[in-house]
Amino acid sequence: MASFDVIIVGAGVSGLCLARLWLQANTPFRSILVIDGARDDATLRTFSFWSPVESVFESIVRHAWKELRIVGQEAMHAVPLGECTYRTLFWADLQRLVLEEIRRAPRCRVIDGRAEEVVDRGDHVTVRVGAEAFSARWVMDSRFRLADLRVDERRWHSLRQHFTGVLLRAPEGTFDPKAATLFDFRTGLAEGRSFFYVLPFSAEEALVELVTLDREEAAPVIERYVRGTLGLSSYEVVAREHGTSPMTEQAFGWRASGRVRRLGIAAGMVKASTGYALTRIEDDCRGIVRSLEERGDPMAPPRGSRLYRFLDGVLLELWASRPALLPGIFRVLFTKNPADRVLRFLDERAGIGDIVRIVMTLPSWPFLAAMGRWVRRRWFGRAQE
């Protein structure tokens, strides 16, 4: 049975992020097996994030912006960024970069297939892939199926964020690559339950993405937006992407057993109230590697906060019950506060002072009502157990 220091189950974003950081770590535990069950790298998948510092994937960032735009039914607001930069990278670039690094590294291996059995034996873990079996000190497991997610909806919210995007190519000068539209609520759908974002990579190429809480026939909605709202009569659809992510404040268990740790979505790395995950995944992977370097053990818990879980729950309650308020709330967030403060808040990096300043700019009664409903939901659900 081939033996490794760590087996990473799943060569998705979290698995490859951890593999890259592990290869860069100062540790004697250098042998890595990655079990790759990921999709073909020809499939369009994009990942957007903001950060005041460079990412472990900075070399493959497709484009970066220092200005955001928030668009409502009547006005557009330009929001300059200070320390933070908004970035987008493509899955194909990430996959190609990291898999090549792993294959070149000594004592490291990538195999195609799916882990059919992961068994913690106490002093090691065995993983079976087809007819082969492997052994490791630790297993980092990123497997996640949305259909398997179980949320106690008496106590927690369980929303779904559906996203469908098209990569467009249009005549030169069509797009402004200096600014990214983060929220455009002119979708023609139920108010507040959907929005577009537009990420221009050049003057002739941009990603147009529809995000909605409801399952929609996205193609005609996107076409109406591109032709009617953006006013494009001539364009080419280069590629398409789609997916669904969970939005719940219910905690995810990060530790499957003594030597098996969950990664990525399976460890709760999708931000409940926004759907963003890449920065959180990178932070979590850095924590794992830091623990490995300092203690010789990668089984470190993710960074988390009960306060932010509560705030996520209140925002999800408001989004679920009074979605028409959301366009105004996001407009107020970004026009009454410096953008970096808002982004720190959304990324769970804001201190108490920043949180208080943000709360003071928001309409009080809708949030107080949502808070009351959230508290009743939590305690009523607990009383039923």
Protein backbone atom coordinates (compact mmCIF):
# COMPACT_ATOMS: atom_id res chain seq x y z
CA MET A 1 0.00 0.00 0.00
CA ALA A 2 1.52 3.33 -1.08
CA SER A 3 1.91 5.71 1.86
CA PHE A 4 1.90 9.52 1.99
CA ASP A 5 2.03 12.22 4.61
CA VAL A 6 -1.31 13.64 3.45
CA ILE A 7 -3.99 12.60 1.01
CA ILE A 8 -6.10 15.43 -0.38
CA VAL A 9 -9.44 14.09 -1.54
CA GLY A 10 -10.73 16.28 -4.34
CA ALA A 11 -8.76 18.54 -6.67
CA GLY A 12 -11.20 21.41 -6.50
CA VAL A 13 -10.31 24.92 -5.36
CA SER A 14 -9.84 24.07 -1.68
CA GLY A 15 -7.86 20.90 -2.37
CA LEU A 16 -5.52 22.63 -4.82
CA CYS A 17 -5.16 25.70 -2.62
CA LEU A 18 -4.06 23.51 0.28
CA ALA A 19 -1.72 21.47 -1.94
CA ARG A 20 0.02 24.60 -3.20
CA LEU A 21 0.47 26.07 0.29
CA TRP A 22 1.61 22.68 1.65
CA LEU A 23 4.29 22.46 -1.07
CA GLN A 24 5.54 25.91 -0.02
CA ALA A 25 5.52 25.07 3.71
CA ASN A 26 8.56 24.57 5.92
CA THR A 27 7.78 21.04 7.09
CA PRO A 28 9.32 17.55 6.86
CA PHE A 29 5.90 16.17 5.86
CA ARG A 30 6.38 16.58 2.11
CA SER A 31 4.64 13.66 0.40
CA ILE A 32 1.20 14.45 -1.02
CA LEU A 33 -1.36 12.41 -2.91
CA VAL A 34 -4.15 14.34 -4.63
CA ILE A 35 -7.20 12.38 -5.76
CA ASP A 36 -8.58 14.30 -8.72
CA GLY A 37 -12.26 13.88 -9.42
CA ALA A 38 -12.68 17.44 -10.75
CA ARG A 39 -14.40 18.52 -13.92
CA ASP A 40 -12.62 19.01 -17.23
CA ASP A 41 -10.53 22.17 -17.17
CA ALA A 42 -12.20 23.35 -20.40
CA THR A 43 -15.37 24.16 -18.41
CA LEU A 44 -15.76 27.86 -17.61
CA ARG A 45 -15.64 28.53 -13.89
CA THR A 46 -14.67 31.87 -12.42
CA PHE A 47 -13.83 32.86 -8.86
CA SER A 48 -14.02 36.44 -7.67
CA PHE A 49 -12.76 37.81 -4.38
CA TRP A 50 -11.43 40.93 -2.70
CA SER A 51 -8.41 41.34 -0.48
CA PRO A 52 -5.94 43.99 0.69
CA VAL A 53 -3.06 41.54 0.13
CA GLU A 54 -1.93 39.27 -2.67
CA SER A 55 -3.45 35.82 -2.99
CA VAL A 56 -1.55 32.56 -3.26
CA PHE A 57 -2.99 32.58 -6.80
CA GLU A 58 -1.96 36.16 -7.64
CA SER A 59 0.07 35.09 -10.67
CA ILE A 60 -3.06 33.80 -12.43
CA VAL A 61 -5.51 36.58 -11.55
CA ARG A 62 -7.27 37.30 -14.85
CA HIS A 63 -8.12 40.91 -13.98
CA ALA A 64 -8.23 43.27 -10.99
CA TRP A 65 -10.36 46.35 -10.32
CA LYS A 66 -10.05 49.33 -7.97
CA GLU A 67 -13.57 50.65 -8.59
CA LEU A 68 -16.94 48.97 -8.04
CA ARG A 69 -20.35 50.04 -9.29
CA ILE A 70 -23.70 49.56 -7.54
CA VAL A 71 -26.65 50.02 -9.92
CA GLY A 72 -30.29 50.42 -8.96
CA GLN A 73 -33.40 51.20 -10.94
CA GLU A 74 -32.67 54.92 -10.96
CA ALA A 75 -28.96 55.54 -10.33
CA MET A 76 -25.45 54.15 -10.59
CA HIS A 77 -22.98 54.66 -7.74
CA ALA A 78 -19.23 54.45 -8.36
CA VAL A 79 -17.41 53.10 -5.31
CA PRO A 80 -13.61 53.53 -5.19
CA LEU A 81 -11.58 50.92 -3.33
CA GLY A 82 -8.74 51.82 -0.97
CA GLU A 83 -6.62 48.98 0.39
CA CYS A 84 -8.72 46.23 -1.15
CA THR A 85 -8.62 45.08 -4.76
CA TYR A 86 -11.39 43.09 -6.41
CA ARG A 87 -10.00 40.19 -8.44
CA THR A 88 -11.19 37.36 -10.67
CA LEU A 89 -9.40 34.19 -11.72
CA PHE A 90 -10.37 31.30 -13.96
CA TRP A 91 -10.62 27.71 -12.75
CA ALA A 92 -8.76 26.36 -15.79
CA ASP A 93 -5.71 28.51 -14.98
CA LEU A 94 -5.75 27.48 -11.32
CA GLN A 95 -6.12 23.79 -12.09
CA ARG A 96 -3.35 23.80 -14.68
CA LEU A 97 -0.92 25.72 -12.44
CA VAL A 98 -1.26 23.65 -9.28
CA LEU A 99 -1.57 20.19 -10.84
CA GLU A 100 1.65 20.83 -12.78
CA GLU A 101 3.40 21.89 -9.56
CA ILE A 102 2.25 18.76 -7.73
CA ARG A 103 3.32 16.46 -10.55
CA ARG A 104 6.79 18.05 -10.62
CA ALA A 105 7.29 17.81 -6.86
CA PRO A 106 9.22 14.80 -5.49
CA ARG A 107 7.20 12.24 -3.50
CA CYS A 108 3.94 13.76 -4.74
CA ARG A 109 1.36 12.21 -7.00
CA VAL A 110 -1.97 13.01 -8.66
CA ILE A 111 -4.39 10.23 -9.58
CA ASP A 112 -7.72 10.40 -11.37
CA GLY A 113 -10.71 8.88 -9.65
CA ARG A 114 -12.95 9.20 -6.63
CA ALA A 115 -12.37 8.14 -3.05
CA GLU A 116 -14.83 5.34 -2.40
CA GLU A 117 -13.79 4.69 1.21
CA VAL A 118 -11.95 6.77 3.81
CA VAL A 119 -11.21 4.91 7.07
CA ASP A 120 -9.46 6.42 10.09
CA ARG A 121 -7.42 3.60 11.67
CA GLY A 122 -6.29 5.65 14.67
CA ASP A 123 -2.61 5.98 13.78
CA HIS A 124 -3.18 6.40 10.01
CA VAL A 125 -5.96 6.67 7.43
CA THR A 126 -6.62 4.39 4.50
CA VAL A 127 -8.31 5.56 1.31
CA ARG A 128 -9.60 3.29 -1.43
CA VAL A 129 -9.82 4.53 -5.02
CA GLY A 130 -11.15 1.83 -7.32
CA ALA A 131 -8.93 -1.22 -6.94
CA GLU A 132 -6.11 0.75 -5.29
CA ALA A 133 -5.64 1.54 -1.61
CA PHE A 134 -3.45 4.26 -0.08
CA SER A 135 -2.32 5.17 3.42
CA ALA A 136 -1.61 8.58 4.98
CA ARG A 137 -0.94 10.32 8.28
CA TRP A 138 -3.81 12.69 7.54
CA VAL A 139 -6.62 13.09 5.01
CA MET A 140 -8.02 16.44 3.91
CA ASP A 141 -11.46 15.79 2.43
CA SER A 142 -13.14 18.40 0.21
CA ARG A 143 -15.98 16.21 -1.06
CA PHE A 144 -19.35 17.94 -0.93
CA ARG A 145 -22.72 17.28 -2.53
CA LEU A 146 -25.40 19.92 -2.17
CA ALA A 147 -28.04 17.18 -2.27
CA ASP A 148 -26.53 15.68 0.90
CA LEU A 149 -26.66 18.92 2.91
CA ARG A 150 -29.10 18.68 5.81
CA VAL A 151 -30.16 21.92 7.47
CA ASP A 152 -32.44 22.08 10.51
CA GLU A 153 -34.82 24.62 8.99
CA ARG A 154 -36.68 25.06 12.26
CA ARG A 155 -33.60 26.89 13.57
CA TRP A 156 -31.54 27.94 10.55
CA HIS A 157 -32.11 29.31 7.07
CA SER A 158 -31.48 27.22 3.99
CA LEU A 159 -31.38 29.32 0.83
CA ARG A 160 -29.78 28.53 -2.52
CA GLN A 161 -27.82 30.98 -4.62
CA HIS A 162 -28.07 30.08 -8.30
CA PHE A 163 -25.62 31.71 -10.68
CA THR A 164 -25.44 31.62 -14.46
CA GLY A 165 -22.80 33.52 -16.39
CA VAL A 166 -21.78 34.20 -19.97
CA LEU A 167 -18.36 35.30 -21.15
CA LEU A 168 -19.05 37.87 -23.87
CA ARG A 169 -16.90 39.23 -26.66
CA ALA A 170 -18.13 42.49 -28.21
CA PRO A 171 -16.69 45.23 -30.43
CA GLU A 172 -13.68 47.15 -29.11
CA GLY A 173 -14.67 49.89 -26.67
CA THR A 174 -17.86 48.22 -25.46
CA PHE A 175 -16.71 47.67 -21.87
CA ASP A 176 -14.81 49.74 -19.30
CA PRO A 177 -12.16 47.45 -17.77
CA LYS A 178 -11.41 49.92 -14.97
CA ALA A 179 -14.63 49.23 -13.02
CA ALA A 180 -16.55 46.08 -12.00
CA THR A 181 -20.32 46.19 -11.53
CA LEU A 182 -20.87 44.27 -8.32
CA PHE A 183 -24.64 44.68 -8.03
CA ASP A 184 -27.06 45.61 -10.78
CA PHE A 185 -30.60 44.96 -9.60
CA ARG A 186 -32.22 45.67 -12.99
CA THR A 187 -33.01 42.03 -13.72
CA GLY A 188 -36.73 42.21 -14.52
CA LEU A 189 -37.33 39.48 -11.90
CA ALA A 190 -38.79 39.65 -8.38
CA GLU A 191 -37.26 42.71 -6.73
CA GLY A 192 -34.32 42.01 -4.46
CA ARG A 193 -34.16 38.28 -5.18
CA SER A 194 -31.70 38.60 -8.04
CA PHE A 195 -28.97 40.81 -9.44
CA PHE A 196 -26.35 40.91 -12.17
CA TYR A 197 -22.68 41.54 -11.89
CA VAL A 198 -20.52 42.55 -14.83
CA LEU A 199 -16.76 42.00 -14.80
CA PRO A 200 -14.98 43.57 -17.80
CA PHE A 201 -11.62 41.91 -18.49
CA SER A 202 -10.86 44.20 -21.43
CA ALA A 203 -12.58 46.75 -23.65
CA GLU A 204 -14.15 43.91 -25.65
CA GLU A 205 -14.55 41.03 -23.18
CA ALA A 206 -16.63 40.74 -20.00
CA LEU A 207 -18.33 38.21 -17.76
CA VAL A 208 -22.04 38.89 -17.23
CA GLU A 209 -23.44 36.84 -14.35
CA LEU A 210 -27.02 36.45 -13.13
CA VAL A 211 -27.35 35.59 -9.44
CA THR A 212 -30.77 34.65 -8.05
CA LEU A 213 -32.37 32.97 -5.07
CA ASP A 214 -34.89 31.28 -7.37
CA ARG A 215 -34.45 28.75 -10.14
CA GLU A 216 -34.98 30.74 -13.32
CA GLU A 217 -34.72 30.14 -17.04
CA ALA A 218 -31.57 32.24 -17.09
CA ALA A 219 -30.80 32.47 -20.81
CA PRO A 220 -33.65 34.84 -21.81
CA VAL A 221 -33.11 36.96 -18.67
CA ILE A 222 -29.44 37.39 -19.55
CA GLU A 223 -30.21 38.14 -23.20
CA ARG A 224 -32.75 40.82 -22.23
CA TYR A 225 -30.22 42.38 -19.90
CA VAL A 226 -27.37 42.32 -22.41
CA ARG A 227 -29.44 43.66 -25.32
CA GLY A 228 -31.83 45.92 -23.44
CA THR A 229 -30.06 47.17 -20.33
CA LEU A 230 -26.45 47.10 -21.56
CA GLY A 231 -27.55 48.04 -25.08
CA LEU A 232 -25.39 45.50 -26.94
CA SER A 233 -26.69 44.61 -30.38
CA SER A 234 -23.59 42.72 -31.49
CA TYR A 235 -21.77 40.24 -29.26
CA GLU A 236 -20.52 36.65 -29.12
CA VAL A 237 -21.04 34.23 -26.24
CA VAL A 238 -17.60 32.64 -25.77
CA ALA A 239 -18.43 30.38 -22.84
CA ARG A 240 -21.06 29.77 -20.16
CA GLU A 241 -20.95 28.81 -16.48
CA HIS A 242 -23.58 27.87 -13.94
CA GLY A 243 -23.80 26.51 -10.44
CA THR A 244 -25.57 26.58 -7.09
CA SER A 245 -24.16 27.27 -3.63
CA PRO A 246 -25.74 26.91 -0.18
CA MET A 247 -26.58 29.90 2.00
CA THR A 248 -27.07 28.87 5.63
CA GLU A 249 -25.80 30.09 8.98
CA GLN A 250 -25.91 26.56 10.37
CA ALA A 251 -22.42 25.50 11.45
CA PHE A 252 -20.57 22.86 9.41
CA GLY A 253 -18.51 20.20 11.14
CA TRP A 254 -14.88 20.67 10.07
CA ARG A 255 -13.47 17.51 11.67
CA ALA A 256 -14.67 14.17 10.33
CA SER A 257 -12.43 12.16 12.70
CA GLY A 258 -9.11 12.44 14.51
CA ARG A 259 -7.06 12.33 11.31
CA VAL A 260 -9.63 13.39 8.71
CA ARG A 261 -10.43 17.08 8.21
CA ARG A 262 -12.97 18.64 5.88
CA LEU A 263 -12.08 21.42 3.44
CA GLY A 264 -13.87 24.07 1.41
CA ILE A 265 -17.65 24.06 1.22
CA ALA A 266 -17.73 20.86 3.28
CA ALA A 267 -16.06 22.80 6.13
CA GLY A 268 -18.46 25.76 5.83
CA MET A 269 -16.18 28.05 3.82
CA VAL A 270 -19.00 29.60 1.76
CA LYS A 271 -19.94 32.89 3.40
CA ALA A 272 -23.59 32.41 4.37
CA SER A 273 -24.85 35.87 3.43
CA THR A 274 -22.82 36.51 0.24
CA GLY A 275 -21.86 33.18 -1.35
CA TYR A 276 -18.17 34.19 -1.61
CA ALA A 277 -15.67 31.52 -0.63
CA LEU A 278 -12.20 31.87 -2.14
CA THR A 279 -10.67 34.19 0.46
CA ARG A 280 -12.12 32.10 3.28
CA ILE A 281 -10.78 28.92 1.67
CA GLU A 282 -7.31 30.42 1.38
CA ASP A 283 -7.39 31.66 4.99
CA ASP A 284 -8.47 28.20 6.18
CA CYS A 285 -5.72 26.47 4.19
CA ARG A 286 -3.13 28.90 5.54
CA GLY A 287 -4.30 28.06 9.06
CA ILE A 288 -3.88 24.34 8.35
CA VAL A 289 -0.34 24.82 7.02
CA ARG A 290 0.60 27.18 9.86
CA SER A 291 -0.52 24.53 12.36
CA LEU A 292 1.53 21.94 10.49
CA GLU A 293 4.66 24.12 10.63
CA GLU A 294 4.25 25.14 14.26
CA ARG A 295 2.86 21.97 15.85
CA GLY A 296 3.54 19.23 13.32
CA ASP A 297 -0.22 18.65 13.10
CA PRO A 298 -2.50 20.17 10.43
CA MET A 299 -5.77 19.55 12.29
CA ALA A 300 -6.50 23.21 13.06
CA PRO A 301 -10.09 24.50 13.32
CA PRO A 302 -11.32 27.10 10.84
CA ARG A 303 -11.52 30.73 11.85
CA GLY A 304 -15.10 31.52 12.87
CA SER A 305 -17.25 33.83 14.95
CA ARG A 306 -20.65 33.43 16.61
CA LEU A 307 -21.23 37.14 16.14
CA TYR A 308 -20.85 36.87 12.36
CA ARG A 309 -23.04 33.76 12.26
CA PHE A 310 -25.71 35.79 14.01
CA LEU A 311 -25.28 38.71 11.58
CA ASP A 312 -25.45 36.30 8.63
CA GLY A 313 -28.64 34.83 10.04
CA VAL A 314 -30.28 38.25 10.39
CA LEU A 315 -29.36 39.22 6.83
CA LEU A 316 -30.65 35.88 5.49
CA GLU A 317 -33.88 36.41 7.43
CA LEU A 318 -34.27 39.84 5.85
CA TRP A 319 -33.42 38.52 2.39
CA ALA A 320 -35.90 35.66 2.71
CA SER A 321 -38.78 37.71 4.17
CA ARG A 322 -38.36 41.21 2.70
CA PRO A 323 -36.12 40.92 -0.37
CA ALA A 324 -37.36 44.18 -1.90
CA LEU A 325 -35.34 46.03 0.78
CA LEU A 326 -32.02 44.49 -0.31
CA PRO A 327 -31.18 46.84 -3.22
CA GLY A 328 -31.55 49.87 -0.93
CA ILE A 329 -29.58 48.20 1.85
CA PHE A 330 -26.61 47.42 -0.39
CA ARG A 331 -26.73 50.94 -1.82
CA VAL A 332 -26.63 52.40 1.70
CA LEU A 333 -23.85 50.02 2.75
CA PHE A 334 -21.55 51.17 -0.03
CA THR A 335 -22.49 54.86 -0.17
CA LYS A 336 -22.59 55.60 3.57
CA ASN A 337 -19.40 53.67 4.41
CA PRO A 338 -15.92 53.43 2.90
CA ALA A 339 -15.90 50.42 0.57
CA ASP A 340 -13.00 48.79 2.41
CA ARG A 341 -14.98 48.85 5.66
CA VAL A 342 -17.91 47.11 3.96
CA LEU A 343 -15.67 44.49 2.37
CA ARG A 344 -13.93 43.80 5.69
CA PHE A 345 -17.37 43.37 7.25
CA LEU A 346 -18.57 41.00 4.50
CA ASP A 347 -15.33 39.03 4.81
CA GLU A 348 -15.59 38.77 8.64
CA ARG A 349 -12.46 40.88 9.19
CA ALA A 350 -14.12 43.98 10.64
CA GLY A 351 -13.63 44.83 14.29
CA ILE A 352 -16.38 45.90 16.66
CA GLY A 353 -15.82 49.56 15.81
CA ASP A 354 -16.35 48.96 12.11
CA ILE A 355 -19.42 46.80 12.77
CA VAL A 356 -21.00 49.50 14.93
CA ARG A 357 -20.33 52.18 12.29
CA ILE A 358 -21.90 50.00 9.59
CA VAL A 359 -24.95 49.17 11.70
CA MET A 360 -25.50 52.87 12.42
CA THR A 361 -25.88 53.56 8.68
CA LEU A 362 -28.52 50.88 8.08
CA PRO A 363 -32.31 51.31 8.45
CA SER A 364 -33.00 50.19 12.01
CA TRP A 365 -36.57 48.90 11.97
CA PRO A 366 -36.24 46.26 9.22
CA PHE A 367 -33.13 44.86 10.88
CA LEU A 368 -34.62 44.92 14.37
CA ALA A 369 -37.70 43.09 13.06
CA ALA A 370 -35.51 40.55 11.24
CA MET A 371 -33.45 40.11 14.39
CA GLY A 372 -36.58 39.41 16.40
CA ARG A 373 -37.78 36.84 13.88
CA TRP A 374 -34.35 35.19 13.83
CA VAL A 375 -34.24 34.94 17.64
CA ARG A 376 -37.75 33.46 17.75
CA ARG A 377 -36.79 30.98 15.06
CA ARG A 378 -33.70 29.88 16.99
CA TRP A 379 -35.48 29.47 20.32
CA PHE A 380 -38.68 28.01 18.91
CA GLY A 381 -36.69 25.46 16.96
CA ARG A 382 -34.65 24.58 20.04
CA ALA A 383 -37.82 24.20 22.13
CA GLN A 384 -39.16 21.65 19.63
CA GLU A 385 -36.13 19.37 20.02
